[in-house]
Amino acid sequence: MCRSIKVLRRPAPTATREEIDAAALQFVRKVSGYRKPSKTNQTAFDDAVREVADATARLLRHLERPC
């Protein structure tokens, strides 16, 4: 279990796409162990970053915000 994970956002305002993309890149780097993947792995790396960012954006769109 990674104990260094901290809350990055509060419920409002929502994260920008740039913040989501940066967080996705950080996550994929941490999980893969690569800061910069080889040319052979670049496509898989980029796909993973995009998929994590898209899933995060969907999550944030569907969360109910407190009034």
PDB file of N, CA and C in Angstrom:
ATOM      1  N   MET A   1       0.846  -1.176   0.000  1.00  0.00           N
ATOM      2  CA  MET A   1       0.000   0.000   0.000  1.00  0.00           C
ATOM      3  C   MET A   1       0.888   1.235   0.000  1.00  0.00           C
ATOM      4  N   CYS A   2       0.602   2.132  -0.890  1.00  0.00           N
ATOM      5  CA  CYS A   2       1.382   3.362  -0.985  1.00  0.00           C
ATOM      6  C   CYS A   2       0.868   4.355   0.044  1.00  0.00           C
ATOM      7  N   ARG A   3       1.691   4.700   0.993  1.00  0.00           N
ATOM      8  CA  ARG A   3       1.264   5.616   2.052  1.00  0.00           C
ATOM      9  C   ARG A   3       1.491   7.077   1.693  1.00  0.00           C
ATOM     10  N   SER A   4       2.115   7.329   0.540  1.00  0.00           N
ATOM     11  CA  SER A   4       2.389   8.719   0.183  1.00  0.00           C
ATOM     12  C   SER A   4       1.254   9.346  -0.627  1.00  0.00           C
ATOM     13  N   ILE A   5       0.155   8.614  -0.840  1.00  0.00           N
ATOM     14  CA  ILE A   5      -0.962   9.186  -1.577  1.00  0.00           C
ATOM     15  C   ILE A   5      -1.686  10.179  -0.676  1.00  0.00           C
ATOM     16  N   LYS A   6      -1.840  11.384  -1.191  1.00  0.00           N
ATOM     17  CA  LYS A   6      -2.489  12.447  -0.434  1.00  0.00           C
ATOM     18  C   LYS A   6      -3.677  12.968  -1.224  1.00  0.00           C
ATOM     19  N   VAL A   7      -4.618  13.560  -0.530  1.00  0.00           N
ATOM     20  CA  VAL A   7      -5.756  14.182  -1.202  1.00  0.00           C
ATOM     21  C   VAL A   7      -5.217  15.328  -2.040  1.00  0.00           C
ATOM     22  N   LEU A   8      -5.521  15.301  -3.337  1.00  0.00           N
ATOM     23  CA  LEU A   8      -5.027  16.341  -4.229  1.00  0.00           C
ATOM     24  C   LEU A   8      -6.046  17.445  -4.448  1.00  0.00           C
ATOM     25  N   ARG A   9      -7.315  17.100  -4.296  1.00  0.00           N
ATOM     26  CA  ARG A   9      -8.369  18.052  -4.593  1.00  0.00           C
ATOM     27  C   ARG A   9      -9.417  18.037  -3.498  1.00  0.00           C
ATOM     28  N   ARG A  10     -10.065  19.104  -3.355  1.00  0.00           N
ATOM     29  CA  ARG A  10     -11.254  19.195  -2.535  1.00  0.00           C
ATOM     30  C   ARG A  10     -12.437  19.147  -3.503  1.00  0.00           C
ATOM     31  N   PRO A  11     -13.651  18.954  -3.022  1.00  0.00           N
ATOM     32  CA  PRO A  11     -14.789  18.810  -3.931  1.00  0.00           C
ATOM     33  C   PRO A  11     -14.990  19.958  -4.924  1.00  0.00           C
ATOM     34  N   ALA A  12     -14.682  21.170  -4.553  1.00  0.00           N
ATOM     35  CA  ALA A  12     -14.882  22.276  -5.490  1.00  0.00           C
ATOM     36  C   ALA A  12     -13.692  23.205  -5.403  1.00  0.00           C
ATOM     37  N   PRO A  13     -13.223  23.804  -6.429  1.00  0.00           N
ATOM     38  CA  PRO A  13     -13.671  23.634  -7.798  1.00  0.00           C
ATOM     39  C   PRO A  13     -13.121  22.331  -8.383  1.00  0.00           C
ATOM     40  N   THR A  14     -13.685  21.914  -9.491  1.00  0.00           N
ATOM     41  CA  THR A  14     -13.236  20.660 -10.093  1.00  0.00           C
ATOM     42  C   THR A  14     -11.857  20.836 -10.715  1.00  0.00           C
ATOM     43  N   ALA A  15     -11.181  19.733 -10.879  1.00  0.00           N
ATOM     44  CA  ALA A  15      -9.847  19.745 -11.473  1.00  0.00           C
ATOM     45  C   ALA A  15      -9.929  20.121 -12.950  1.00  0.00           C
ATOM     46  N   THR A  16      -8.918  20.809 -13.427  1.00  0.00           N
ATOM     47  CA  THR A  16      -8.846  21.137 -14.852  1.00  0.00           C
ATOM     48  C   THR A  16      -8.350  19.909 -15.611  1.00  0.00           C
ATOM     49  N   ARG A  17      -8.523  19.921 -16.912  1.00  0.00           N
ATOM     50  CA  ARG A  17      -8.035  18.795 -17.736  1.00  0.00           C
ATOM     51  C   ARG A  17      -6.512  18.692 -17.607  1.00  0.00           C
ATOM     52  N   GLU A  18      -5.829  19.804 -17.504  1.00  0.00           N
ATOM     53  CA  GLU A  18      -4.375  19.786 -17.357  1.00  0.00           C
ATOM     54  C   GLU A  18      -3.964  19.104 -16.047  1.00  0.00           C
ATOM     55  N   GLU A  19      -4.695  19.394 -14.968  1.00  0.00           N
ATOM     56  CA  GLU A  19      -4.411  18.748 -13.678  1.00  0.00           C
ATOM     57  C   GLU A  19      -4.699  17.253 -13.738  1.00  0.00           C
ATOM     58  N   ILE A  20      -5.778  16.892 -14.408  1.00  0.00           N
ATOM     59  CA  ILE A  20      -6.118  15.471 -14.560  1.00  0.00           C
ATOM     60  C   ILE A  20      -5.037  14.758 -15.359  1.00  0.00           C
ATOM     61  N   ASP A  21      -4.602  15.354 -16.469  1.00  0.00           N
ATOM     62  CA  ASP A  21      -3.560  14.745 -17.302  1.00  0.00           C
ATOM     63  C   ASP A  21      -2.255  14.592 -16.534  1.00  0.00           C
ATOM     64  N   ALA A  22      -1.876  15.603 -15.763  1.00  0.00           N
ATOM     65  CA  ALA A  22      -0.643  15.541 -14.974  1.00  0.00           C
ATOM     66  C   ALA A  22      -0.718  14.441 -13.919  1.00  0.00           C
ATOM     67  N   ALA A  23      -1.873  14.309 -13.272  1.00  0.00           N
ATOM     68  CA  ALA A  23      -2.047  13.260 -12.263  1.00  0.00           C
ATOM     69  C   ALA A  23      -2.000  11.876 -12.908  1.00  0.00           C
ATOM     70  N   ALA A  24      -2.602  11.741 -14.091  1.00  0.00           N
ATOM     71  CA  ALA A  24      -2.586  10.462 -14.805  1.00  0.00           C
ATOM     72  C   ALA A  24      -1.156  10.085 -15.186  1.00  0.00           C
ATOM     73  N   LEU A  25      -0.398  11.044 -15.671  1.00  0.00           N
ATOM     74  CA  LEU A  25       0.994  10.786 -16.026  1.00  0.00           C
ATOM     75  C   LEU A  25       1.797  10.356 -14.801  1.00  0.00           C
ATOM     76  N   GLN A  26       1.602  11.042 -13.693  1.00  0.00           N
ATOM     77  CA  GLN A  26       2.305  10.693 -12.457  1.00  0.00           C
ATOM     78  C   GLN A  26       1.938   9.276 -12.009  1.00  0.00           C
ATOM     79  N   PHE A  27       0.657   8.930 -12.092  1.00  0.00           N
ATOM     80  CA  PHE A  27       0.200   7.603 -11.693  1.00  0.00           C
ATOM     81  C   PHE A  27       0.839   6.522 -12.565  1.00  0.00           C
ATOM     82  N   VAL A  28       0.797   6.702 -13.880  1.00  0.00           N
ATOM     83  CA  VAL A  28       1.354   5.694 -14.788  1.00  0.00           C
ATOM     84  C   VAL A  28       2.861   5.576 -14.604  1.00  0.00           C
ATOM     85  N   ARG A  29       3.547   6.681 -14.390  1.00  0.00           N
ATOM     86  CA  ARG A  29       4.989   6.616 -14.113  1.00  0.00           C
ATOM     87  C   ARG A  29       5.266   5.804 -12.853  1.00  0.00           C
ATOM     88  N   LYS A  30       4.489   6.051 -11.805  1.00  0.00           N
ATOM     89  CA  LYS A  30       4.696   5.354 -10.536  1.00  0.00           C
ATOM     90  C   LYS A  30       4.422   3.862 -10.677  1.00  0.00           C
ATOM     91  N   VAL A  31       3.309   3.515 -11.319  1.00  0.00           N
ATOM     92  CA  VAL A  31       2.923   2.115 -11.447  1.00  0.00           C
ATOM     93  C   VAL A  31       3.866   1.362 -12.386  1.00  0.00           C
ATOM     94  N   SER A  32       4.260   1.994 -13.497  1.00  0.00           N
ATOM     95  CA  SER A  32       5.105   1.313 -14.482  1.00  0.00           C
ATOM     96  C   SER A  32       6.575   1.266 -14.070  1.00  0.00           C
ATOM     97  N   GLY A  33       6.982   2.226 -13.251  1.00  0.00           N
ATOM     98  CA  GLY A  33       8.386   2.304 -12.879  1.00  0.00           C
ATOM     99  C   GLY A  33       9.241   3.049 -13.896  1.00  0.00           C
ATOM    100  N   TYR A  34       8.593   3.609 -14.918  1.00  0.00           N
ATOM    101  CA  TYR A  34       9.312   4.345 -15.961  1.00  0.00           C
ATOM    102  C   TYR A  34       8.985   5.823 -15.904  1.00  0.00           C
ATOM    103  N   ARG A  35      10.013   6.636 -15.901  1.00  0.00           N
ATOM    104  CA  ARG A  35       9.791   8.076 -16.044  1.00  0.00           C
ATOM    105  C   ARG A  35       9.575   8.387 -17.504  1.00  0.00           C
ATOM    106  N   LYS A  36      10.383   7.774 -18.344  1.00  0.00           N
ATOM    107  CA  LYS A  36      10.256   7.894 -19.797  1.00  0.00           C
ATOM    108  C   LYS A  36      10.432   6.489 -20.362  1.00  0.00           C
ATOM    109  N   PRO A  37       9.384   5.924 -20.955  1.00  0.00           N
ATOM    110  CA  PRO A  37       9.473   4.572 -21.471  1.00  0.00           C
ATOM    111  C   PRO A  37      10.317   4.503 -22.743  1.00  0.00           C
ATOM    112  N   SER A  38      10.752   3.302 -23.076  1.00  0.00           N
ATOM    113  CA  SER A  38      11.490   3.096 -24.324  1.00  0.00           C
ATOM    114  C   SER A  38      10.534   3.306 -25.501  1.00  0.00           C
ATOM    115  N   LYS A  39      11.097   3.427 -26.702  1.00  0.00           N
ATOM    116  CA  LYS A  39      10.264   3.584 -27.898  1.00  0.00           C
ATOM    117  C   LYS A  39       9.316   2.407 -28.063  1.00  0.00           C
ATOM    118  N   THR A  40       9.772   1.234 -27.683  1.00  0.00           N
ATOM    119  CA  THR A  40       8.949   0.033 -27.785  1.00  0.00           C
ATOM    120  C   THR A  40       7.715   0.124 -26.900  1.00  0.00           C
ATOM    121  N   ASN A  41       7.851   0.730 -25.727  1.00  0.00           N
ATOM    122  CA  ASN A  41       6.756   0.816 -24.762  1.00  0.00           C
ATOM    123  C   ASN A  41       5.985   2.136 -24.805  1.00  0.00           C
ATOM    124  N   GLN A  42       6.404   3.068 -25.650  1.00  0.00           N
ATOM    125  CA  GLN A  42       5.817   4.407 -25.652  1.00  0.00           C
ATOM    126  C   GLN A  42       4.312   4.395 -25.924  1.00  0.00           C
ATOM    127  N   THR A  43       3.874   3.615 -26.895  1.00  0.00           N
ATOM    128  CA  THR A  43       2.452   3.589 -27.234  1.00  0.00           C
ATOM    129  C   THR A  43       1.623   3.069 -26.072  1.00  0.00           C
ATOM    130  N   ALA A  44       2.061   1.978 -25.454  1.00  0.00           N
ATOM    131  CA  ALA A  44       1.338   1.416 -24.307  1.00  0.00           C
ATOM    132  C   ALA A  44       1.309   2.421 -23.160  1.00  0.00           C
ATOM    133  N   PHE A  45       2.419   3.095 -22.928  1.00  0.00           N
ATOM    134  CA  PHE A  45       2.520   4.101 -21.870  1.00  0.00           C
ATOM    135  C   PHE A  45       1.539   5.245 -22.130  1.00  0.00           C
ATOM    136  N   ASP A  46       1.567   5.789 -23.353  1.00  0.00           N
ATOM    137  CA  ASP A  46       0.681   6.906 -23.707  1.00  0.00           C
ATOM    138  C   ASP A  46      -0.791   6.502 -23.630  1.00  0.00           C
ATOM    139  N   ASP A  47      -1.098   5.283 -24.079  1.00  0.00           N
ATOM    140  CA  ASP A  47      -2.480   4.786 -23.998  1.00  0.00           C
ATOM    141  C   ASP A  47      -2.942   4.703 -22.552  1.00  0.00           C
ATOM    142  N   ALA A  48      -2.063   4.218 -21.677  1.00  0.00           N
ATOM    143  CA  ALA A  48      -2.414   4.097 -20.257  1.00  0.00           C
ATOM    144  C   ALA A  48      -2.666   5.470 -19.642  1.00  0.00           C
ATOM    145  N   VAL A  49      -1.829   6.434 -19.952  1.00  0.00           N
ATOM    146  CA  VAL A  49      -2.019   7.794 -19.424  1.00  0.00           C
ATOM    147  C   VAL A  49      -3.363   8.348 -19.884  1.00  0.00           C
ATOM    148  N   ARG A  50      -3.670   8.179 -21.161  1.00  0.00           N
ATOM    149  CA  ARG A  50      -4.934   8.680 -21.707  1.00  0.00           C
ATOM    150  C   ARG A  50      -6.133   7.981 -21.052  1.00  0.00           C
ATOM    151  N   GLU A  51      -6.059   6.674 -20.878  1.00  0.00           N
ATOM    152  CA  GLU A  51      -7.160   5.926 -20.269  1.00  0.00           C
ATOM    153  C   GLU A  51      -7.374   6.323 -18.800  1.00  0.00           C
ATOM    154  N   VAL A  52      -6.293   6.505 -18.057  1.00  0.00           N
ATOM    155  CA  VAL A  52      -6.411   6.927 -16.658  1.00  0.00           C
ATOM    156  C   VAL A  52      -7.002   8.335 -16.592  1.00  0.00           C
ATOM    157  N   ALA A  53      -6.546   9.224 -17.452  1.00  0.00           N
ATOM    158  CA  ALA A  53      -7.070  10.592 -17.461  1.00  0.00           C
ATOM    159  C   ALA A  53      -8.555  10.605 -17.826  1.00  0.00           C
ATOM    160  N   ASP A  54      -8.933   9.805 -18.823  1.00  0.00           N
ATOM    161  CA  ASP A  54     -10.344   9.758 -19.224  1.00  0.00           C
ATOM    162  C   ASP A  54     -11.216   9.193 -18.108  1.00  0.00           C
ATOM    163  N   ALA A  55     -10.744   8.136 -17.447  1.00  0.00           N
ATOM    164  CA  ALA A  55     -11.505   7.544 -16.342  1.00  0.00           C
ATOM    165  C   ALA A  55     -11.642   8.546 -15.196  1.00  0.00           C
ATOM    166  N   THR A  56     -10.595   9.293 -14.928  1.00  0.00           N
ATOM    167  CA  THR A  56     -10.635  10.298 -13.864  1.00  0.00           C
ATOM    168  C   THR A  56     -11.616  11.419 -14.198  1.00  0.00           C
ATOM    169  N   ALA A  57     -11.591  11.870 -15.444  1.00  0.00           N
ATOM    170  CA  ALA A  57     -12.523  12.925 -15.873  1.00  0.00           C
ATOM    171  C   ALA A  57     -13.966  12.437 -15.755  1.00  0.00           C
ATOM    172  N   ARG A  58     -14.220  11.184 -16.140  1.00  0.00           N
ATOM    173  CA  ARG A  58     -15.572  10.620 -16.003  1.00  0.00           C
ATOM    174  C   ARG A  58     -15.991  10.580 -14.540  1.00  0.00           C
ATOM    175  N   LEU A  59     -15.090  10.131 -13.684  1.00  0.00           N
ATOM    176  CA  LEU A  59     -15.376  10.070 -12.253  1.00  0.00           C
ATOM    177  C   LEU A  59     -15.764  11.447 -11.731  1.00  0.00           C
ATOM    178  N   LEU A  60     -14.975  12.447 -12.034  1.00  0.00           N
ATOM    179  CA  LEU A  60     -15.233  13.791 -11.524  1.00  0.00           C
ATOM    180  C   LEU A  60     -16.541  14.370 -12.062  1.00  0.00           C
ATOM    181  N   ARG A  61     -16.887  14.035 -13.308  1.00  0.00           N
ATOM    182  CA  ARG A  61     -18.157  14.505 -13.879  1.00  0.00           C
ATOM    183  C   ARG A  61     -19.357  13.892 -13.166  1.00  0.00           C
ATOM    184  N   HIS A  62     -19.196  12.659 -12.695  1.00  0.00           N
ATOM    185  CA  HIS A  62     -20.332  11.939 -12.109  1.00  0.00           C
ATOM    186  C   HIS A  62     -20.435  12.050 -10.592  1.00  0.00           C
ATOM    187  N   LEU A  63     -19.447  12.603  -9.947  1.00  0.00           N
ATOM    188  CA  LEU A  63     -19.532  12.772  -8.500  1.00  0.00           C
ATOM    189  C   LEU A  63     -20.555  13.830  -8.158  1.00  0.00           C
ATOM    190  N   GLU A  64     -21.339  13.576  -7.150  1.00  0.00           N
ATOM    191  CA  GLU A  64     -22.291  14.571  -6.682  1.00  0.00           C
ATOM    192  C   GLU A  64     -21.555  15.563  -5.795  1.00  0.00           C
ATOM    193  N   ARG A  65     -21.761  16.819  -6.049  1.00  0.00           N
ATOM    194  CA  ARG A  65     -21.103  17.880  -5.287  1.00  0.00           C
ATOM    195  C   ARG A  65     -22.001  18.325  -4.141  1.00  0.00           C
ATOM    196  N   PRO A  66     -21.429  18.567  -2.963  1.00  0.00           N
ATOM    197  CA  PRO A  66     -22.250  19.104  -1.872  1.00  0.00           C
ATOM    198  C   PRO A  66     -22.701  20.522  -2.194  1.00  0.00           C
ATOM    199  N   CYS A  67     -23.862  20.861  -1.741  1.00  0.00           N
ATOM    200  CA  CYS A  67     -24.421  22.212  -2.006  1.00  0.00           C
ATOM    201  C   CYS A  67     -23.870  23.227  -1.040  1.00  0.00           C
TER     202      CYS A  67
END
